[in-house]
N, C-alpha and C. Protein backbone atom coordinates (compact mmCIF):
# COMPACT_ATOMS: atom_id res chain seq x y z
N UNK A 1 0.92 -1.33 0.17
CA UNK A 1 -0.19 0.09 0.06
C UNK A 1 0.94 1.12 -0.15
N UNK A 2 0.65 1.88 -0.74
CA UNK A 2 1.23 3.50 -0.83
C UNK A 2 0.63 4.39 -0.34
N UNK A 3 1.15 5.66 -0.22
CA UNK A 3 0.55 6.50 0.42
C UNK A 3 -0.94 7.34 -0.12
N UNK A 4 -0.96 7.25 -1.28
CA UNK A 4 -2.22 7.34 -2.25
C UNK A 4 -3.13 6.62 -1.52
N UNK A 5 -3.10 5.25 -1.51
CA UNK A 5 -3.89 4.33 -1.20
C UNK A 5 -4.53 3.80 0.24
N UNK A 6 -3.54 4.80 1.07
CA UNK A 6 -3.47 5.01 2.57
C UNK A 6 -4.55 6.09 2.83
N UNK A 7 -4.50 6.96 2.28
CA UNK A 7 -5.24 8.26 2.36
C UNK A 7 -6.74 7.77 1.75
N UNK A 8 -6.90 7.14 0.81
CA UNK A 8 -8.07 6.64 0.26
C UNK A 8 -8.80 5.78 1.26
N UNK A 9 -8.14 5.10 1.88
CA UNK A 9 -8.84 4.18 2.92
C UNK A 9 -9.15 4.72 4.17
N UNK A 10 -8.40 5.64 4.51
CA UNK A 10 -8.62 6.47 5.77
C UNK A 10 -10.09 7.38 5.51
N UNK A 11 -10.03 7.82 4.03
CA UNK A 11 -11.24 8.84 3.96
C UNK A 11 -12.53 8.03 3.72
N UNK A 12 -12.44 6.79 3.28
CA UNK A 12 -13.50 6.15 3.31
C UNK A 12 -13.97 5.42 4.55
N UNK A 13 -13.00 4.92 5.11
CA UNK A 13 -13.23 4.47 6.88
C UNK A 13 -13.72 5.50 7.67
N UNK A 14 -13.27 6.57 7.71
CA UNK A 14 -13.49 8.04 8.53
C UNK A 14 -14.50 8.59 8.06
N UNK A 15 -14.96 8.45 6.99
CA UNK A 15 -16.15 9.29 6.39
C UNK A 15 -15.46 10.98 6.23
N UNK A 16 -14.25 10.77 5.47
CA UNK A 16 -13.62 12.02 5.26
C UNK A 16 -13.49 12.25 3.73
N UNK A 17 -13.05 13.43 3.57
CA UNK A 17 -12.92 13.41 1.90
C UNK A 17 -11.54 13.24 1.87
N UNK A 18 -10.89 13.25 0.70
CA UNK A 18 -9.35 12.81 0.46
C UNK A 18 -8.68 13.84 0.92
N UNK A 19 -8.89 15.01 0.80
CA UNK A 19 -7.98 16.27 1.10
C UNK A 19 -7.86 16.45 2.59
N UNK A 20 -9.08 15.91 3.47
CA UNK A 20 -9.30 16.20 4.94
C UNK A 20 -8.22 14.91 5.14
N UNK A 21 -8.35 13.61 4.61
CA UNK A 21 -7.79 12.44 5.22
C UNK A 21 -6.11 12.92 4.82
N UNK A 22 -5.69 13.36 3.91
CA UNK A 22 -4.75 13.64 3.59
C UNK A 22 -4.02 14.59 4.41
N UNK A 23 -4.53 15.57 4.90
CA UNK A 23 -4.08 16.69 5.83
C UNK A 23 -4.01 15.55 7.38
N UNK A 24 -5.04 14.87 7.60
CA UNK A 24 -4.97 14.20 9.00
C UNK A 24 -3.85 13.35 8.88
N UNK A 25 -3.34 12.79 7.95
CA UNK A 25 -2.10 11.94 7.89
C UNK A 25 -0.96 12.58 7.76
N UNK A 26 -0.93 13.63 7.08
CA UNK A 26 0.41 14.37 7.20
C UNK A 26 0.57 15.09 8.42
N UNK A 27 -0.70 15.55 9.39
CA UNK A 27 -0.42 15.99 10.52
C UNK A 27 0.15 15.15 11.47
N UNK A 28 -0.53 13.89 11.63
CA UNK A 28 0.29 12.65 12.28
C UNK A 28 1.43 12.09 12.27
N UNK A 29 2.11 12.28 10.69
CA UNK A 29 3.27 11.98 10.46
C UNK A 29 4.04 13.24 11.12
N UNK A 30 3.94 14.24 10.77
CA UNK A 30 4.78 15.31 11.06
C UNK A 30 4.82 15.67 12.54
N UNK A 31 3.68 15.44 13.31
CA UNK A 31 3.83 15.25 15.07
C UNK A 31 4.78 13.83 15.43
N UNK A 32 4.43 12.74 14.75
CA UNK A 32 5.28 11.81 15.39
C UNK A 32 6.75 12.07 14.86
N UNK A 33 7.16 12.71 13.78
CA UNK A 33 8.43 12.91 13.63
C UNK A 33 8.95 14.07 14.12
N UNK A 34 8.31 14.92 14.58
CA UNK A 34 8.43 16.15 15.56
C UNK A 34 9.07 15.84 16.88
N UNK A 35 8.25 14.72 17.56
CA UNK A 35 8.40 14.11 18.72
C UNK A 35 9.78 13.43 18.84
N UNK A 36 10.14 12.61 17.64
CA UNK A 36 11.22 11.65 17.48
C UNK A 36 12.18 12.75 17.56
N UNK A 37 12.48 13.72 16.89
CA UNK A 37 13.22 14.55 16.71
C UNK A 37 13.92 14.98 17.96
N UNK A 38 13.07 15.25 19.11
CA UNK A 38 13.42 15.82 20.10
C UNK A 38 13.90 14.94 21.29
N UNK A 39 13.44 13.72 20.66
CA UNK A 39 14.23 12.50 21.58
C UNK A 39 12.91 12.10 22.24
N UNK A 40 11.64 12.10 22.03
CA UNK A 40 10.59 11.58 22.95
C UNK A 40 10.37 10.39 22.06
N UNK A 41 9.73 9.29 22.88
CA UNK A 41 8.90 8.15 22.34
C UNK A 41 7.30 8.36 22.26
N UNK A 42 7.06 7.85 21.08
CA UNK A 42 5.51 7.92 20.73
C UNK A 42 4.97 6.64 20.64
N UNK A 43 3.94 6.52 21.79
CA UNK A 43 3.56 5.18 21.97
C UNK A 43 2.11 5.38 21.70
N UNK A 44 1.60 4.48 20.61
CA UNK A 44 0.09 4.23 20.23
C UNK A 44 -0.36 2.83 20.71
N UNK A 45 -1.06 3.16 21.95
CA UNK A 45 -1.37 1.79 22.55
C UNK A 45 -2.29 0.99 21.47
N UNK A 46 -1.72 -0.79 21.53
CA UNK A 46 -2.59 -1.34 20.62
C UNK A 46 -1.76 -1.38 19.19
N UNK A 47 -0.94 -0.11 18.95
CA UNK A 47 -0.40 -0.49 17.67
C UNK A 47 1.14 -0.50 17.91
N UNK A 48 1.81 0.53 18.69
CA UNK A 48 3.14 0.29 18.64
C UNK A 48 3.78 1.46 19.13
N UNK A 49 5.25 1.20 19.58
CA UNK A 49 5.77 2.49 19.97
C UNK A 49 6.85 3.02 19.12
N UNK A 50 6.96 4.04 18.86
CA UNK A 50 8.13 4.65 17.83
C UNK A 50 9.33 5.24 19.01
N UNK A 51 10.37 4.86 18.82
CA UNK A 51 11.68 5.43 19.64
C UNK A 51 12.84 5.77 19.03
N UNK A 52 13.79 6.53 19.54
CA UNK A 52 15.09 6.80 18.87
C UNK A 52 16.09 6.13 19.52
N UNK A 53 17.03 5.31 18.97
CA UNK A 53 18.27 4.66 19.65
C UNK A 53 19.42 5.38 19.17
N UNK A 54 20.48 5.25 20.06
CA UNK A 54 21.76 5.84 19.64
C UNK A 54 22.70 4.78 19.01
N UNK A 55 23.05 5.01 17.91
CA UNK A 55 24.14 3.86 17.45
C UNK A 55 25.63 4.11 17.64
N UNK A 56 26.44 3.68 18.32
CA UNK A 56 27.57 4.21 18.71
C UNK A 56 28.80 4.14 17.19
N UNK A 57 29.52 5.07 17.27
CA UNK A 57 30.46 4.80 16.33
C UNK A 57 31.15 3.96 16.35
N UNK A 58 31.60 3.07 15.15
CA UNK A 58 32.56 1.97 14.96
C UNK A 58 33.39 1.83 13.82
N UNK A 59 33.94 0.48 13.56
CA UNK A 59 34.71 0.37 12.61
C UNK A 59 33.83 -0.66 11.97
N UNK A 60 34.05 -0.52 10.09
CA UNK A 60 33.53 -1.33 9.54
C UNK A 60 34.72 -1.68 8.32
N UNK A 61 34.23 -2.48 7.60
CA UNK A 61 35.15 -2.92 6.41
C UNK A 61 34.35 -3.24 5.19
N UNK A 62 34.82 -2.21 4.33
CA UNK A 62 34.25 -2.11 2.94
C UNK A 62 34.75 -3.69 2.28
N UNK A 63 33.16 -4.37 1.91
CA UNK A 63 33.33 -5.70 1.63
C UNK A 63 34.36 -5.74 -0.05
N UNK A 64 34.19 -4.75 -0.75
CA UNK A 64 35.00 -4.69 -2.26
C UNK A 64 36.50 -4.61 -1.93
N UNK A 65 36.77 -3.69 -1.17
CA UNK A 65 38.41 -3.29 -1.22
C UNK A 65 38.81 -3.95 0.08
N UNK A 66 38.14 -4.16 1.16
CA UNK A 66 38.72 -4.57 2.31
C UNK A 66 39.14 -3.72 3.29
N UNK A 67 38.98 -2.57 2.98
CA UNK A 67 39.55 -1.44 3.42
C UNK A 67 38.82 -0.97 4.88
N UNK A 68 39.28 -0.83 5.99
CA UNK A 68 38.79 -0.58 7.50
C UNK A 68 38.43 0.94 7.15
N UNK A 69 36.91 1.04 7.56
CA UNK A 69 36.44 2.62 7.53
C UNK A 69 35.90 2.69 8.88
N UNK A 70 35.66 4.11 9.22
CA UNK A 70 34.98 4.33 10.45
C UNK A 70 33.47 4.84 9.88
N UNK A 71 32.82 4.36 10.57
CA UNK A 71 31.14 4.41 10.59
C UNK A 71 31.07 5.56 12.04
N UNK A 72 30.49 6.37 11.33
CA UNK A 72 30.18 7.56 12.49
C UNK A 72 28.65 7.15 13.46
N UNK A 73 28.95 7.79 14.43
CA UNK A 73 27.47 7.84 15.35
C UNK A 73 26.37 8.28 14.81
N UNK A 74 25.12 7.68 15.06
CA UNK A 74 24.14 8.15 14.69
C UNK A 74 22.70 7.52 15.30
N UNK A 75 22.01 8.40 15.01
CA UNK A 75 20.68 7.92 15.78
C UNK A 75 19.64 7.37 14.72
N UNK A 76 18.98 6.10 15.51
CA UNK A 76 18.01 5.79 14.09
C UNK A 76 16.94 5.39 14.94
N UNK A 77 15.87 5.33 14.12
CA UNK A 77 14.22 5.50 14.59
C UNK A 77 14.10 3.60 14.59
N UNK A 78 13.13 3.28 15.67
CA UNK A 78 12.77 1.97 16.24
C UNK A 78 11.57 1.93 16.37
N UNK A 79 11.05 0.78 15.87
CA UNK A 79 9.60 0.61 15.95
C UNK A 79 9.52 -0.61 16.58
N UNK A 80 8.51 -1.12 17.82
CA UNK A 80 8.27 -2.16 18.10
C UNK A 80 6.45 -2.49 18.10
N UNK A 81 6.28 -3.36 17.62
CA UNK A 81 5.11 -3.35 17.30
C UNK A 81 4.28 -4.03 18.47
N UNK A 82 2.93 -3.28 18.84
CA UNK A 82 2.12 -3.75 20.11
C UNK A 82 1.50 -5.01 19.92
N UNK A 83 0.88 -5.65 21.03
CA UNK A 83 0.25 -7.05 21.10
C UNK A 83 -0.98 -7.01 20.07
N UNK A 84 -2.03 -6.20 20.10
CA UNK A 84 -2.96 -6.09 19.29
C UNK A 84 -2.46 -5.98 17.86
N UNK A 85 -1.51 -5.16 17.16
CA UNK A 85 -1.17 -5.32 15.92
C UNK A 85 -0.29 -6.64 15.60
N UNK A 86 0.12 -7.40 16.53
CA UNK A 86 1.00 -8.32 16.19
C UNK A 86 -0.18 -9.79 15.94
N UNK A 87 -1.24 -9.66 16.98
CA UNK A 87 -2.25 -10.44 17.06
C UNK A 87 -3.23 -10.21 15.29
N UNK A 88 -3.45 -8.84 14.67
CA UNK A 88 -3.95 -9.00 13.83
C UNK A 88 -2.94 -9.52 12.47
N UNK A 89 -1.82 -9.43 12.46
CA UNK A 89 -1.00 -9.92 11.82
C UNK A 89 -0.87 -11.44 11.70
N UNK A 90 -0.93 -11.84 12.46
CA UNK A 90 -0.82 -13.53 12.85
C UNK A 90 -1.91 -14.14 11.91
């Protein structure tokens, strides 16, 4: 499912126009992104939890040249599915 299909599904299920559904989806995504950028967790009970984890700097190996390279520290987004989502997927 792509973004357009998701917007169409939201509009149909929530009784919204496609424009309203797109605005709602974008607002939700932007809010989650802003909170993660601040370092906060976003927990949607039954769906899952989004969080940010710190990846430390480390050494890596270029598989083509076998050269040792430095991989810088970074932040990564993690998602842990909730119990209800896991039950639906099973």
